[in-house]
mmCIF file of all heavy atoms, coordinates in Angstrom:
data_MODEL
# 
_entry.id   MODEL 
# 
loop_
_atom_site.group_PDB 
_atom_site.id 
_atom_site.type_symbol 
_atom_site.label_atom_id 
_atom_site.label_alt_id 
_atom_site.label_comp_id 
_atom_site.label_asym_id 
_atom_site.label_entity_id 
_atom_site.label_seq_id 
_atom_site.pdbx_PDB_ins_code 
_atom_site.Cartn_x 
_atom_site.Cartn_y 
_atom_site.Cartn_z 
_atom_site.occupancy 
_atom_site.B_iso_or_equiv 
_atom_site.pdbx_formal_charge 
_atom_site.auth_seq_id 
_atom_site.auth_comp_id 
_atom_site.auth_asym_id 
_atom_site.auth_atom_id 
_atom_site.pdbx_PDB_model_num 
ATOM 1   N N   . ILE A 1 1  ? 49.762 30.376 -50.249 1.00 0.00 ? 1  ILE A N   1 
ATOM 2   C CA  . ILE A 1 1  ? 49.099 29.475 -51.170 1.00 0.00 ? 1  ILE A CA  1 
ATOM 3   C C   . ILE A 1 1  ? 48.400 30.304 -52.240 1.00 0.00 ? 1  ILE A C   1 
ATOM 4   O O   . ILE A 1 1  ? 47.729 31.297 -51.957 1.00 0.00 ? 1  ILE A O   1 
ATOM 5   C CB  . ILE A 1 1  ? 48.156 28.655 -50.447 1.00 0.00 ? 1  ILE A CB  1 
ATOM 6   C CG1 . ILE A 1 1  ? 48.824 27.802 -49.329 1.00 0.00 ? 1  ILE A CG1 1 
ATOM 7   C CG2 . ILE A 1 1  ? 47.405 27.633 -51.315 1.00 0.00 ? 1  ILE A CG2 1 
ATOM 8   C CD1 . ILE A 1 1  ? 49.794 26.760 -49.825 1.00 0.00 ? 1  ILE A CD1 1 
ATOM 9   N N   . LYS A 1 2  ? 48.500 29.790 -53.461 1.00 0.00 ? 2  LYS A N   1 
ATOM 10  C CA  . LYS A 1 2  ? 47.641 30.268 -54.565 1.00 0.00 ? 2  LYS A CA  1 
ATOM 11  C C   . LYS A 1 2  ? 47.418 29.231 -55.479 1.00 0.00 ? 2  LYS A C   1 
ATOM 12  O O   . LYS A 1 2  ? 48.282 28.537 -55.961 1.00 0.00 ? 2  LYS A O   1 
ATOM 13  C CB  . LYS A 1 2  ? 48.383 31.475 -55.277 1.00 0.00 ? 2  LYS A CB  1 
ATOM 14  C CG  . LYS A 1 2  ? 47.613 32.062 -56.438 1.00 0.00 ? 2  LYS A CG  1 
ATOM 15  C CD  . LYS A 1 2  ? 48.131 33.390 -56.931 1.00 0.00 ? 2  LYS A CD  1 
ATOM 16  C CE  . LYS A 1 2  ? 49.407 33.165 -57.757 1.00 0.00 ? 2  LYS A CE  1 
ATOM 17  N NZ  . LYS A 1 2  ? 49.894 34.432 -58.420 1.00 0.00 ? 2  LYS A NZ  1 
ATOM 18  N N   . LEU A 1 3  ? 46.068 28.965 -55.838 1.00 0.00 ? 3  LEU A N   1 
ATOM 19  C CA  . LEU A 1 3  ? 45.711 27.958 -56.802 1.00 0.00 ? 3  LEU A CA  1 
ATOM 20  C C   . LEU A 1 3  ? 46.194 28.434 -58.187 1.00 0.00 ? 3  LEU A C   1 
ATOM 21  O O   . LEU A 1 3  ? 46.154 29.584 -58.564 1.00 0.00 ? 3  LEU A O   1 
ATOM 22  C CB  . LEU A 1 3  ? 44.187 27.812 -56.857 1.00 0.00 ? 3  LEU A CB  1 
ATOM 23  C CG  . LEU A 1 3  ? 43.502 27.075 -55.670 1.00 0.00 ? 3  LEU A CG  1 
ATOM 24  C CD1 . LEU A 1 3  ? 41.993 26.842 -55.928 1.00 0.00 ? 3  LEU A CD1 1 
ATOM 25  C CD2 . LEU A 1 3  ? 44.170 25.689 -55.438 1.00 0.00 ? 3  LEU A CD2 1 
ATOM 26  N N   . LYS A 1 4  ? 46.517 27.412 -58.949 1.00 0.00 ? 4  LYS A N   1 
ATOM 27  C CA  . LYS A 1 4  ? 46.942 27.627 -60.384 1.00 0.00 ? 4  LYS A CA  1 
ATOM 28  C C   . LYS A 1 4  ? 45.750 27.812 -61.275 1.00 0.00 ? 4  LYS A C   1 
ATOM 29  O O   . LYS A 1 4  ? 44.645 27.315 -61.003 1.00 0.00 ? 4  LYS A O   1 
ATOM 30  C CB  . LYS A 1 4  ? 47.825 26.411 -60.883 1.00 0.00 ? 4  LYS A CB  1 
ATOM 31  C CG  . LYS A 1 4  ? 49.145 26.241 -60.289 1.00 0.00 ? 4  LYS A CG  1 
ATOM 32  C CD  . LYS A 1 4  ? 50.065 27.365 -60.679 1.00 0.00 ? 4  LYS A CD  1 
ATOM 33  C CE  . LYS A 1 4  ? 51.518 27.171 -60.213 1.00 0.00 ? 4  LYS A CE  1 
ATOM 34  N NZ  . LYS A 1 4  ? 52.239 26.102 -60.884 1.00 0.00 ? 4  LYS A NZ  1 
ATOM 35  N N   . GLU A 1 5  ? 45.966 28.478 -62.334 1.00 0.00 ? 5  GLU A N   1 
ATOM 36  C CA  . GLU A 1 5  ? 45.020 28.538 -63.431 1.00 0.00 ? 5  GLU A CA  1 
ATOM 37  C C   . GLU A 1 5  ? 45.169 27.431 -64.307 1.00 0.00 ? 5  GLU A C   1 
ATOM 38  O O   . GLU A 1 5  ? 45.944 26.541 -64.003 1.00 0.00 ? 5  GLU A O   1 
ATOM 39  C CB  . GLU A 1 5  ? 45.204 29.801 -64.276 1.00 0.00 ? 5  GLU A CB  1 
ATOM 40  C CG  . GLU A 1 5  ? 45.035 31.146 -63.486 1.00 0.00 ? 5  GLU A CG  1 
ATOM 41  C CD  . GLU A 1 5  ? 43.635 31.394 -63.053 1.00 0.00 ? 5  GLU A CD  1 
ATOM 42  O OE1 . GLU A 1 5  ? 42.678 30.883 -63.649 1.00 0.00 ? 5  GLU A OE1 1 
ATOM 43  O OE2 . GLU A 1 5  ? 43.457 32.002 -61.914 1.00 0.00 ? 5  GLU A OE2 1 
ATOM 44  N N   . ALA A 1 6  ? 44.252 27.184 -65.344 1.00 0.00 ? 6  ALA A N   1 
ATOM 45  C CA  . ALA A 1 6  ? 44.330 26.023 -66.205 1.00 0.00 ? 6  ALA A CA  1 
ATOM 46  C C   . ALA A 1 6  ? 45.759 25.940 -66.739 1.00 0.00 ? 6  ALA A C   1 
ATOM 47  O O   . ALA A 1 6  ? 46.354 26.974 -67.155 1.00 0.00 ? 6  ALA A O   1 
ATOM 48  C CB  . ALA A 1 6  ? 43.373 26.218 -67.298 1.00 0.00 ? 6  ALA A CB  1 
ATOM 49  N N   . ASN A 1 7  ? 46.313 24.780 -66.760 1.00 0.00 ? 7  ASN A N   1 
ATOM 50  C CA  . ASN A 1 7  ? 47.704 24.582 -67.257 1.00 0.00 ? 7  ASN A CA  1 
ATOM 51  C C   . ASN A 1 7  ? 47.911 23.126 -67.667 1.00 0.00 ? 7  ASN A C   1 
ATOM 52  O O   . ASN A 1 7  ? 47.295 22.133 -67.098 1.00 0.00 ? 7  ASN A O   1 
ATOM 53  C CB  . ASN A 1 7  ? 48.745 24.976 -66.231 1.00 0.00 ? 7  ASN A CB  1 
ATOM 54  C CG  . ASN A 1 7  ? 48.774 24.096 -64.960 1.00 0.00 ? 7  ASN A CG  1 
ATOM 55  O OD1 . ASN A 1 7  ? 49.479 23.089 -64.926 1.00 0.00 ? 7  ASN A OD1 1 
ATOM 56  N ND2 . ASN A 1 7  ? 47.920 24.457 -64.011 1.00 0.00 ? 7  ASN A ND2 1 
ATOM 57  N N   . ASN A 1 8  ? 48.842 22.903 -68.630 1.00 0.00 ? 8  ASN A N   1 
ATOM 58  C CA  . ASN A 1 8  ? 49.233 21.553 -68.997 1.00 0.00 ? 8  ASN A CA  1 
ATOM 59  C C   . ASN A 1 8  ? 48.071 20.594 -69.270 1.00 0.00 ? 8  ASN A C   1 
ATOM 60  O O   . ASN A 1 8  ? 48.167 19.372 -68.944 1.00 0.00 ? 8  ASN A O   1 
ATOM 61  C CB  . ASN A 1 8  ? 50.135 20.887 -67.902 1.00 0.00 ? 8  ASN A CB  1 
ATOM 62  C CG  . ASN A 1 8  ? 51.492 21.572 -67.945 1.00 0.00 ? 8  ASN A CG  1 
ATOM 63  O OD1 . ASN A 1 8  ? 51.681 22.701 -67.293 1.00 0.00 ? 8  ASN A OD1 1 
ATOM 64  N ND2 . ASN A 1 8  ? 52.539 20.920 -68.515 1.00 0.00 ? 8  ASN A ND2 1 
ATOM 65  N N   . GLY A 1 9  ? 46.989 21.024 -69.821 1.00 0.00 ? 9  GLY A N   1 
ATOM 66  C CA  . GLY A 1 9  ? 45.863 20.309 -70.204 1.00 0.00 ? 9  GLY A CA  1 
ATOM 67  C C   . GLY A 1 9  ? 44.847 20.056 -69.085 1.00 0.00 ? 9  GLY A C   1 
ATOM 68  O O   . GLY A 1 9  ? 43.832 19.400 -69.270 1.00 0.00 ? 9  GLY A O   1 
ATOM 69  N N   . PHE A 1 10 ? 45.132 20.639 -67.852 1.00 0.00 ? 10 PHE A N   1 
ATOM 70  C CA  . PHE A 1 10 ? 44.200 20.567 -66.765 1.00 0.00 ? 10 PHE A CA  1 
ATOM 71  C C   . PHE A 1 10 ? 43.355 21.786 -66.725 1.00 0.00 ? 10 PHE A C   1 
ATOM 72  O O   . PHE A 1 10 ? 43.851 22.895 -66.722 1.00 0.00 ? 10 PHE A O   1 
ATOM 73  C CB  . PHE A 1 10 ? 44.930 20.361 -65.414 1.00 0.00 ? 10 PHE A CB  1 
ATOM 74  C CG  . PHE A 1 10 ? 45.794 19.105 -65.390 1.00 0.00 ? 10 PHE A CG  1 
ATOM 75  C CD1 . PHE A 1 10 ? 47.179 19.135 -65.523 1.00 0.00 ? 10 PHE A CD1 1 
ATOM 76  C CD2 . PHE A 1 10 ? 45.211 17.894 -65.174 1.00 0.00 ? 10 PHE A CD2 1 
ATOM 77  C CE1 . PHE A 1 10 ? 47.933 17.985 -65.463 1.00 0.00 ? 10 PHE A CE1 1 
ATOM 78  C CE2 . PHE A 1 10 ? 45.947 16.630 -65.130 1.00 0.00 ? 10 PHE A CE2 1 
ATOM 79  C CZ  . PHE A 1 10 ? 47.246 16.805 -65.354 1.00 0.00 ? 10 PHE A CZ  1 
ATOM 80  N N   . THR A 1 11 ? 42.024 21.574 -66.656 1.00 0.00 ? 11 THR A N   1 
ATOM 81  C CA  . THR A 1 11 ? 41.128 22.679 -66.568 1.00 0.00 ? 11 THR A CA  1 
ATOM 82  C C   . THR A 1 11 ? 41.152 23.279 -65.199 1.00 0.00 ? 11 THR A C   1 
ATOM 83  O O   . THR A 1 11 ? 41.588 22.713 -64.141 1.00 0.00 ? 11 THR A O   1 
ATOM 84  C CB  . THR A 1 11 ? 39.738 22.251 -66.921 1.00 0.00 ? 11 THR A CB  1 
ATOM 85  O OG1 . THR A 1 11 ? 39.225 21.377 -65.903 1.00 0.00 ? 11 THR A OG1 1 
ATOM 86  C CG2 . THR A 1 11 ? 39.708 21.588 -68.306 1.00 0.00 ? 11 THR A CG2 1 
ATOM 87  N N   . LYS A 1 12 ? 40.493 24.457 -64.988 1.00 0.00 ? 12 LYS A N   1 
ATOM 88  C CA  . LYS A 1 12 ? 40.408 25.114 -63.702 1.00 0.00 ? 12 LYS A CA  1 
ATOM 89  C C   . LYS A 1 12 ? 39.603 24.241 -62.723 1.00 0.00 ? 12 LYS A C   1 
ATOM 90  O O   . LYS A 1 12 ? 39.919 24.107 -61.631 1.00 0.00 ? 12 LYS A O   1 
ATOM 91  C CB  . LYS A 1 12 ? 39.747 26.499 -63.900 1.00 0.00 ? 12 LYS A CB  1 
ATOM 92  C CG  . LYS A 1 12 ? 39.630 27.316 -62.587 1.00 0.00 ? 12 LYS A CG  1 
ATOM 93  C CD  . LYS A 1 12 ? 40.857 27.653 -61.965 1.00 0.00 ? 12 LYS A CD  1 
ATOM 94  C CE  . LYS A 1 12 ? 40.746 28.546 -60.728 1.00 0.00 ? 12 LYS A CE  1 
ATOM 95  N NZ  . LYS A 1 12 ? 41.973 28.810 -60.021 1.00 0.00 ? 12 LYS A NZ  1 
ATOM 96  N N   . ASP A 1 13 ? 38.513 23.608 -63.249 1.00 0.00 ? 13 ASP A N   1 
ATOM 97  C CA  . ASP A 1 13 ? 37.662 22.771 -62.411 1.00 0.00 ? 13 ASP A CA  1 
ATOM 98  C C   . ASP A 1 13 ? 38.434 21.518 -61.971 1.00 0.00 ? 13 ASP A C   1 
ATOM 99  O O   . ASP A 1 13 ? 38.305 21.079 -60.778 1.00 0.00 ? 13 ASP A O   1 
ATOM 100 C CB  . ASP A 1 13 ? 36.440 22.289 -63.165 1.00 0.00 ? 13 ASP A CB  1 
ATOM 101 C CG  . ASP A 1 13 ? 35.365 23.438 -63.359 1.00 0.00 ? 13 ASP A CG  1 
ATOM 102 O OD1 . ASP A 1 13 ? 35.583 24.404 -62.622 1.00 0.00 ? 13 ASP A OD1 1 
ATOM 103 O OD2 . ASP A 1 13 ? 34.508 23.253 -64.157 1.00 0.00 ? 13 ASP A OD2 1 
ATOM 104 N N   . GLU A 1 14 ? 39.316 20.946 -62.791 1.00 0.00 ? 14 GLU A N   1 
ATOM 105 C CA  . GLU A 1 14 ? 40.060 19.751 -62.430 1.00 0.00 ? 14 GLU A CA  1 
ATOM 106 C C   . GLU A 1 14 ? 41.144 20.225 -61.439 1.00 0.00 ? 14 GLU A C   1 
ATOM 107 O O   . GLU A 1 14 ? 41.427 19.443 -60.518 1.00 0.00 ? 14 GLU A O   1 
ATOM 108 C CB  . GLU A 1 14 ? 40.764 19.198 -63.674 1.00 0.00 ? 14 GLU A CB  1 
ATOM 109 C CG  . GLU A 1 14 ? 39.862 18.469 -64.612 1.00 0.00 ? 14 GLU A CG  1 
ATOM 110 C CD  . GLU A 1 14 ? 40.455 17.968 -65.893 1.00 0.00 ? 14 GLU A CD  1 
ATOM 111 O OE1 . GLU A 1 14 ? 41.423 18.688 -66.404 1.00 0.00 ? 14 GLU A OE1 1 
ATOM 112 O OE2 . GLU A 1 14 ? 39.965 16.962 -66.431 1.00 0.00 ? 14 GLU A OE2 1 
ATOM 113 N N   . ILE A 1 15 ? 41.717 21.361 -61.507 1.00 0.00 ? 15 ILE A N   1 
ATOM 114 C CA  . ILE A 1 15 ? 42.683 21.810 -60.534 1.00 0.00 ? 15 ILE A CA  1 
ATOM 115 C C   . ILE A 1 15 ? 42.051 22.008 -59.195 1.00 0.00 ? 15 ILE A C   1 
ATOM 116 O O   . ILE A 1 15 ? 42.639 21.667 -58.143 1.00 0.00 ? 15 ILE A O   1 
ATOM 117 C CB  . ILE A 1 15 ? 43.346 23.134 -61.088 1.00 0.00 ? 15 ILE A CB  1 
ATOM 118 C CG1 . ILE A 1 15 ? 44.199 22.755 -62.216 1.00 0.00 ? 15 ILE A CG1 1 
ATOM 119 C CG2 . ILE A 1 15 ? 44.111 23.821 -59.994 1.00 0.00 ? 15 ILE A CG2 1 
ATOM 120 C CD1 . ILE A 1 15 ? 44.681 23.998 -63.042 1.00 0.00 ? 15 ILE A CD1 1 
ATOM 121 N N   . GLU A 1 16 ? 40.864 22.590 -59.183 1.00 0.00 ? 16 GLU A N   1 
ATOM 122 C CA  . GLU A 1 16 ? 40.160 22.696 -57.893 1.00 0.00 ? 16 GLU A CA  1 
ATOM 123 C C   . GLU A 1 16 ? 39.790 21.350 -57.277 1.00 0.00 ? 16 GLU A C   1 
ATOM 124 O O   . GLU A 1 16 ? 39.925 21.152 -56.030 1.00 0.00 ? 16 GLU A O   1 
ATOM 125 C CB  . GLU A 1 16 ? 38.897 23.562 -57.989 1.00 0.00 ? 16 GLU A CB  1 
ATOM 126 C CG  . GLU A 1 16 ? 39.216 25.029 -58.338 1.00 0.00 ? 16 GLU A CG  1 
ATOM 127 C CD  . GLU A 1 16 ? 38.177 26.015 -57.808 1.00 0.00 ? 16 GLU A CD  1 
ATOM 128 O OE1 . GLU A 1 16 ? 37.411 25.578 -56.897 1.00 0.00 ? 16 GLU A OE1 1 
ATOM 129 O OE2 . GLU A 1 16 ? 38.184 27.157 -58.240 1.00 0.00 ? 16 GLU A OE2 1 
ATOM 130 N N   . LEU A 1 17 ? 39.422 20.417 -58.048 1.00 0.00 ? 17 LEU A N   1 
ATOM 131 C CA  . LEU A 1 17 ? 39.177 19.028 -57.554 1.00 0.00 ? 17 LEU A CA  1 
ATOM 132 C C   . LEU A 1 17 ? 40.435 18.452 -56.965 1.00 0.00 ? 17 LEU A C   1 
ATOM 133 O O   . LEU A 1 17 ? 40.453 17.852 -55.923 1.00 0.00 ? 17 LEU A O   1 
ATOM 134 C CB  . LEU A 1 17 ? 38.601 18.083 -58.666 1.00 0.00 ? 17 LEU A CB  1 
ATOM 135 C CG  . LEU A 1 17 ? 37.145 18.052 -58.871 1.00 0.00 ? 17 LEU A CG  1 
ATOM 136 C CD1 . LEU A 1 17 ? 36.828 16.988 -59.960 1.00 0.00 ? 17 LEU A CD1 1 
ATOM 137 C CD2 . LEU A 1 17 ? 36.379 17.735 -57.653 1.00 0.00 ? 17 LEU A CD2 1 
ATOM 138 N N   . ALA A 1 18 ? 41.523 18.593 -57.736 1.00 0.00 ? 18 ALA A N   1 
ATOM 139 C CA  . ALA A 1 18 ? 42.778 18.061 -57.289 1.00 0.00 ? 18 ALA A CA  1 
ATOM 140 C C   . ALA A 1 18 ? 43.180 18.723 -55.992 1.00 0.00 ? 18 ALA A C   1 
ATOM 141 O O   . ALA A 1 18 ? 43.724 18.053 -54.990 1.00 0.00 ? 18 ALA A O   1 
ATOM 142 C CB  . ALA A 1 18 ? 43.875 18.237 -58.345 1.00 0.00 ? 18 ALA A CB  1 
ATOM 143 N N   . ALA A 1 19 ? 42.981 20.060 -55.868 1.00 0.00 ? 19 ALA A N   1 
ATOM 144 C CA  . ALA A 1 19 ? 43.358 20.753 -54.599 1.00 0.00 ? 19 ALA A CA  1 
ATOM 145 C C   . ALA A 1 19 ? 42.573 20.160 -53.484 1.00 0.00 ? 19 ALA A C   1 
ATOM 146 O O   . ALA A 1 19 ? 43.104 19.947 -52.345 1.00 0.00 ? 19 ALA A O   1 
ATOM 147 C CB  . ALA A 1 19 ? 43.070 22.276 -54.791 1.00 0.00 ? 19 ALA A CB  1 
ATOM 148 N N   . ALA A 1 20 ? 41.252 20.013 -53.649 1.00 0.00 ? 20 ALA A N   1 
ATOM 149 C CA  . ALA A 1 20 ? 40.311 19.517 -52.587 1.00 0.00 ? 20 ALA A CA  1 
ATOM 150 C C   . ALA A 1 20 ? 40.672 18.152 -52.125 1.00 0.00 ? 20 ALA A C   1 
ATOM 151 O O   . ALA A 1 20 ? 40.642 17.825 -50.896 1.00 0.00 ? 20 ALA A O   1 
ATOM 152 C CB  . ALA A 1 20 ? 38.891 19.654 -53.031 1.00 0.00 ? 20 ALA A CB  1 
ATOM 153 N N   . PHE A 1 21 ? 40.961 17.233 -53.059 1.00 0.00 ? 21 PHE A N   1 
ATOM 154 C CA  . PHE A 1 21 ? 41.070 15.809 -52.747 1.00 0.00 ? 21 PHE A CA  1 
ATOM 155 C C   . PHE A 1 21 ? 42.511 15.297 -52.667 1.00 0.00 ? 21 PHE A C   1 
ATOM 156 O O   . PHE A 1 21 ? 42.729 14.178 -52.196 1.00 0.00 ? 21 PHE A O   1 
ATOM 157 C CB  . PHE A 1 21 ? 40.244 14.987 -53.726 1.00 0.00 ? 21 PHE A CB  1 
ATOM 158 C CG  . PHE A 1 21 ? 38.772 15.285 -53.513 1.00 0.00 ? 21 PHE A CG  1 
ATOM 159 C CD1 . PHE A 1 21 ? 38.149 16.239 -54.418 1.00 0.00 ? 21 PHE A CD1 1 
ATOM 160 C CD2 . PHE A 1 21 ? 38.055 14.613 -52.591 1.00 0.00 ? 21 PHE A CD2 1 
ATOM 161 C CE1 . PHE A 1 21 ? 36.745 16.521 -54.130 1.00 0.00 ? 21 PHE A CE1 1 
ATOM 162 C CE2 . PHE A 1 21 ? 36.648 14.886 -52.394 1.00 0.00 ? 21 PHE A CE2 1 
ATOM 163 C CZ  . PHE A 1 21 ? 36.018 15.842 -53.182 1.00 0.00 ? 21 PHE A CZ  1 
ATOM 164 N N   . LEU A 1 22 ? 43.542 16.077 -53.231 1.00 0.00 ? 22 LEU A N   1 
ATOM 165 C CA  . LEU A 1 22 ? 44.840 15.601 -53.123 1.00 0.00 ? 22 LEU A CA  1 
ATOM 166 C C   . LEU A 1 22 ? 45.769 16.533 -52.262 1.00 0.00 ? 22 LEU A C   1 
ATOM 167 O O   . LEU A 1 22 ? 46.725 16.092 -51.701 1.00 0.00 ? 22 LEU A O   1 
ATOM 168 C CB  . LEU A 1 22 ? 45.473 15.587 -54.566 1.00 0.00 ? 22 LEU A CB  1 
ATOM 169 C CG  . LEU A 1 22 ? 44.854 14.575 -55.493 1.00 0.00 ? 22 LEU A CG  1 
ATOM 170 C CD1 . LEU A 1 22 ? 45.484 14.669 -56.963 1.00 0.00 ? 22 LEU A CD1 1 
ATOM 171 C CD2 . LEU A 1 22 ? 45.066 13.128 -54.963 1.00 0.00 ? 22 LEU A CD2 1 
ATOM 172 N N   . GLU A 1 23 ? 45.355 17.816 -52.201 1.00 0.00 ? 23 GLU A N   1 
ATOM 173 C CA  . GLU A 1 23 ? 46.055 18.736 -51.307 1.00 0.00 ? 23 GLU A CA  1 
ATOM 174 C C   . GLU A 1 23 ? 45.026 19.260 -50.257 1.00 0.00 ? 23 GLU A C   1 
ATOM 175 O O   . GLU A 1 23 ? 44.880 20.451 -50.013 1.00 0.00 ? 23 GLU A O   1 
ATOM 176 C CB  . GLU A 1 23 ? 46.664 19.950 -52.100 1.00 0.00 ? 23 GLU A CB  1 
ATOM 177 C CG  . GLU A 1 23 ? 47.876 19.534 -52.887 1.00 0.00 ? 23 GLU A CG  1 
ATOM 178 C CD  . GLU A 1 23 ? 49.055 19.117 -52.011 1.00 0.00 ? 23 GLU A CD  1 
ATOM 179 O OE1 . GLU A 1 23 ? 49.064 19.502 -50.816 1.00 0.00 ? 23 GLU A OE1 1 
ATOM 180 O OE2 . GLU A 1 23 ? 50.008 18.468 -52.522 1.00 0.00 ? 23 GLU A OE2 1 
ATOM 181 N N   . THR A 1 24 ? 44.413 18.303 -49.585 1.00 0.00 ? 24 THR A N   1 
ATOM 182 C CA  . THR A 1 24 ? 43.236 18.638 -48.786 1.00 0.00 ? 24 THR A CA  1 
ATOM 183 C C   . THR A 1 24 ? 43.637 19.517 -47.565 1.00 0.00 ? 24 THR A C   1 
ATOM 184 O O   . THR A 1 24 ? 42.840 20.447 -47.287 1.00 0.00 ? 24 THR A O   1 
ATOM 185 C CB  . THR A 1 24 ? 42.615 17.289 -48.252 1.00 0.00 ? 24 THR A CB  1 
ATOM 186 O OG1 . THR A 1 24 ? 42.328 16.435 -49.332 1.00 0.00 ? 24 THR A OG1 1 
ATOM 187 C CG2 . THR A 1 24 ? 41.252 17.561 -47.515 1.00 0.00 ? 24 THR A CG2 1 
# 
């Protein structure tokens, strides 16, 4: 597993939120 950097208009903070709550 590796978290993505900011991409496609999603910030790093939004990606971490999505990881925590959507890929829990």
